[in-house]
Protein backbone atom coordinates (compact mmCIF):
# COMPACT_ATOMS: atom_id res chain seq x y z
CA UNK A 1 26.55 25.43 -13.87
CA UNK A 2 23.97 24.06 -10.37
CA UNK A 3 20.60 23.42 -11.92
CA UNK A 4 18.93 26.01 -9.17
CA UNK A 5 20.91 29.00 -10.83
CA UNK A 6 19.42 28.01 -14.26
CA UNK A 7 15.60 27.83 -12.70
CA UNK A 8 14.03 31.35 -11.27
CA UNK A 9 10.73 31.23 -10.27
CA UNK A 10 8.62 34.21 -11.61
CA UNK A 11 5.25 33.54 -9.81
CA UNK A 12 3.16 30.61 -8.47
CA UNK A 13 -0.71 30.83 -7.95
CA UNK A 14 -2.75 28.51 -6.33
CA UNK A 15 -5.18 26.96 -8.76
CA UNK A 16 -7.04 24.46 -6.78
CA UNK A 17 -6.75 23.16 -2.94
CA UNK A 18 -9.13 20.97 -2.18
CA UNK A 19 -8.61 17.88 -1.54
CA UNK A 20 -4.67 18.43 -2.59
CA UNK A 21 -2.85 21.79 -4.31
CA UNK A 22 -2.61 22.69 -7.30
CA UNK A 23 -0.20 25.49 -7.91
CA UNK A 24 0.64 27.49 -11.54
CA UNK A 25 4.24 27.87 -11.65
CA UNK A 26 5.62 30.62 -13.94
CA UNK A 27 9.60 31.06 -13.66
CA UNK A 28 12.49 31.41 -16.42
CA UNK A 29 14.89 28.60 -17.63
CA UNK A 30 18.22 29.32 -18.65
CA UNK A 31 19.15 26.27 -21.88
CA UNK A 32 22.19 25.02 -22.86
CA UNK A 33 22.17 27.63 -25.63
CA UNK A 34 22.78 30.27 -22.81
CA UNK A 35 19.18 32.13 -23.90
CA UNK A 36 16.46 32.77 -20.79
CA UNK A 37 13.08 30.75 -21.81
CA UNK A 38 9.67 31.77 -19.71
CA UNK A 39 7.98 28.74 -19.76
CA UNK A 40 5.30 27.85 -17.19
CA UNK A 41 3.70 24.04 -15.90
CA UNK A 42 0.89 22.93 -13.54
CA UNK A 43 2.22 21.13 -10.04
CA UNK A 44 -0.36 18.88 -8.01
CA UNK A 45 1.26 18.61 -4.94
CA UNK A 46 -0.58 15.59 -2.50
CA UNK A 47 3.04 14.70 -0.19
CA UNK A 48 5.33 11.52 -1.20
CA UNK A 49 4.52 8.37 -0.50
CA UNK A 50 5.44 5.06 -0.11
CA UNK A 51 4.19 1.61 -1.21
CA UNK A 52 4.82 -2.44 -0.44
CA UNK A 53 5.48 -6.01 -2.00
CA UNK A 54 4.10 -8.59 0.23
CA UNK A 55 5.79 -11.95 -0.86
CA UNK A 56 6.50 -15.13 0.54
CA UNK A 57 9.70 -17.17 -0.29
CA UNK A 58 8.17 -20.48 1.06
CA UNK A 59 5.47 -20.51 -1.43
CA UNK A 60 6.23 -17.94 -4.25
CA UNK A 61 3.58 -16.01 -3.64
CA UNK A 62 2.66 -12.03 -3.24
CA UNK A 63 0.04 -10.05 -2.35
CA UNK A 64 -1.86 -7.22 -3.85
CA UNK A 65 -5.16 -5.71 -3.66
CA UNK A 66 -7.97 -4.60 -6.30
CA UNK A 67 -9.62 -1.18 -5.79
CA UNK A 68 -12.19 1.51 -7.64
CA UNK A 69 -9.68 4.31 -9.13
CA UNK A 70 -11.31 6.69 -10.54
CA UNK A 71 -8.53 8.78 -12.13
CA UNK A 72 -8.75 5.25 -14.46
CA UNK A 73 -12.07 5.27 -15.07
CA UNK A 74 -12.64 8.93 -16.64
CA UNK A 75 -9.26 7.25 -18.98
CA UNK A 76 -11.23 4.49 -20.06
CA UNK A 77 -10.31 1.68 -17.29
CA UNK A 78 -13.12 -0.42 -15.72
CA UNK A 79 -11.07 1.56 -13.06
CA UNK A 80 -10.60 -1.58 -11.01
CA UNK A 81 -6.35 -1.82 -10.68
CA UNK A 82 -4.74 -4.59 -9.02
CA UNK A 83 -1.96 -2.50 -6.55
CA UNK A 84 0.84 -3.29 -4.28
CA UNK A 85 0.10 -2.06 -0.84
CA UNK A 86 0.52 1.77 -0.26
CA UNK A 87 0.01 4.95 0.54
CA UNK A 88 0.89 8.67 1.90
CA UNK A 89 3.20 9.19 4.04
CA UNK A 90 1.13 12.57 5.92
CA UNK A 91 4.01 13.09 8.04
CA UNK A 92 5.07 9.40 8.79
CA UNK A 93 8.58 8.04 8.30
CA UNK A 94 8.14 6.18 4.86
CA UNK A 95 8.74 2.72 6.75
CA UNK A 96 6.10 3.71 9.38
CA UNK A 97 3.53 4.96 7.64
CA UNK A 98 4.67 1.69 4.82
CA UNK A 99 4.01 -0.93 8.34
CA UNK A 100 0.52 0.62 9.10
CA UNK A 101 -1.10 0.63 5.26
CA UNK A 102 0.26 -3.40 5.02
CA UNK A 103 -1.60 -4.22 7.84
CA UNK A 104 -4.48 -1.68 7.11
CA UNK A 105 -5.28 -2.93 3.68
CA UNK A 106 -3.72 -6.37 3.59
CA UNK A 107 -4.70 -7.19 6.95
CA UNK A 108 -1.01 -8.74 7.39
CA UNK A 109 1.21 -7.62 9.72
CA UNK A 110 5.01 -7.30 8.46
CA UNK A 111 7.57 -6.66 10.98
CA UNK A 112 10.93 -6.13 8.69
CA UNK A 113 10.19 -4.34 5.54
CA UNK A 114 13.66 -3.23 3.38
CA UNK A 115 13.60 -0.02 1.02
CA UNK A 116 14.25 -0.49 -2.58
CA UNK A 117 14.12 2.39 -3.97
CA UNK A 118 12.86 5.93 -4.53
CA UNK A 119 10.57 7.26 -7.87
CA UNK A 120 9.01 10.08 -8.86
CA UNK A 121 5.90 8.47 -10.52
CA UNK A 122 4.75 11.55 -12.99
CA UNK A 123 7.45 14.28 -12.65
CA UNK A 124 5.89 16.16 -15.53
CA UNK A 125 2.70 17.44 -12.94
CA UNK A 126 2.95 15.33 -10.08
CA UNK A 127 5.36 16.38 -7.01
CA UNK A 128 5.01 13.12 -5.29
CA UNK A 129 8.01 11.09 -4.62
CA UNK A 130 7.42 7.48 -3.54
CA UNK A 131 9.34 5.09 -1.29
CA UNK A 132 9.43 0.88 -2.72
CA UNK A 133 8.92 -1.66 -0.10
CA UNK A 134 9.26 -4.99 -0.15
CA UNK A 135 8.89 -7.62 2.83
CA UNK A 136 8.07 -11.02 3.81
CA UNK A 137 4.79 -12.35 5.24
CA UNK A 138 2.93 -16.28 5.78
CA UNK A 139 -0.20 -17.18 7.46
CA UNK A 140 1.35 -16.52 10.89
CA UNK A 141 1.85 -12.31 10.50
CA UNK A 142 -2.18 -12.33 9.18
CA UNK A 143 -4.23 -10.46 12.31
CA UNK A 144 -6.52 -9.18 10.65
CA UNK A 145 -8.85 -8.75 6.90
CA UNK A 146 -7.33 -5.97 5.27
CA UNK A 147 -9.15 -3.56 3.03
CA UNK A 148 -8.73 -0.59 3.92
CA UNK A 149 -10.43 1.85 6.09
CA UNK A 150 -13.85 3.17 5.29
CA UNK A 151 -13.41 6.21 6.57
CA UNK A 152 -11.41 6.86 3.96
CA UNK A 153 -13.29 5.60 1.25
CA UNK A 154 -11.22 2.86 0.04
CA UNK A 155 -12.93 -0.89 -0.07
CA UNK A 156 -9.92 -3.05 -1.21
CA UNK A 157 -10.12 -6.78 -2.13
CA UNK A 158 -7.00 -8.18 -0.63
CA UNK A 159 -5.58 -11.17 -3.52
CA UNK A 160 -2.89 -13.95 -2.91
CA UNK A 161 -1.32 -15.33 -5.84
CA UNK A 162 1.65 -16.74 -7.19
CA UNK A 163 4.28 -14.37 -8.49
CA UNK A 164 4.24 -16.05 -11.86
CA UNK A 165 0.65 -15.18 -12.46
CA UNK A 166 1.58 -11.59 -11.50
CA UNK A 167 4.29 -10.94 -14.25
CA UNK A 168 2.17 -13.11 -16.26
CA UNK A 169 -0.88 -10.51 -15.67
CA UNK A 170 0.94 -7.67 -16.20
CA UNK A 171 1.77 -9.17 -19.95
CA UNK A 172 -2.00 -9.67 -20.35
CA UNK A 173 -2.85 -5.67 -19.17
CA UNK A 174 -4.79 -7.08 -16.08
CA UNK A 175 -1.97 -5.55 -14.09
CA UNK A 176 -1.27 -1.48 -15.10
CA UNK A 177 -0.46 0.46 -11.95
CA UNK A 178 3.29 1.39 -12.19
CA UNK A 179 4.02 1.26 -9.26
CA UNK A 180 3.23 -2.77 -8.82
CA UNK A 181 4.45 -3.77 -12.53
CA UNK A 182 8.18 -2.34 -10.88
CA UNK A 183 8.20 -3.65 -7.44
CA UNK A 184 6.81 -7.11 -9.28
CA UNK A 185 9.48 -7.01 -12.22
CA UNK A 186 12.06 -6.50 -9.15
CA UNK A 187 10.60 -9.54 -7.59
CA UNK A 188 10.86 -11.34 -9.95
CA UNK A 189 14.72 -10.50 -11.38
CA UNK A 190 16.30 -10.89 -7.84
CA UNK A 191 14.22 -13.84 -6.85
CA UNK A 192 12.09 -12.75 -3.85
CA UNK A 193 9.70 -15.20 -4.60
CA UNK A 194 10.25 -18.40 -6.43
CA UNK A 195 9.77 -18.77 -10.04
CA UNK A 196 7.97 -21.94 -12.33
CA UNK A 197 10.21 -24.48 -11.87
CA UNK A 198 11.40 -26.95 -14.60
CA UNK A 199 9.41 -29.55 -15.98
CA UNK A 200 11.35 -32.76 -16.37
CA UNK A 201 10.37 -35.19 -18.98
């Protein structure tokens, strides 16, 4: 049976509509044993987004950002997260939006981006789907300082580091942002930037 035939929406109630929209959904769900069960779930709708890892195949470096994240702060982190560039689509296409976000946040103008996958990052509560991209950069593509848009409260530090160091930072617990971990691991698995050169005795 198609999943849509197993879900019957009973009521949708808006709980908050300030920055984004928080709704409480009451629905009946047809379980695998053939019985209907009433359930309640809250969904947070902030729109879909896109993220990109900028990598330099010639140097083995990647470009990331560091910024303050209040939700991480209230959950015991210092709030300063190292992340891949990204943002909400705001009615633009994922490809157009991620080019603009990359330039706003990192200062690099990326001509060619490649979508690698899509993912729901927190499907238990957040409706957002992320579009993941990779793109190449070098010194010639730097057109600004980056840092994000002040009017949107952004104050980002641009970080350039070897891919190997970024992978090590994941293992040390210094990079804890999910989308960034996924993109860095993708880059390592697919050889998008040079990895360690074996030493010869």
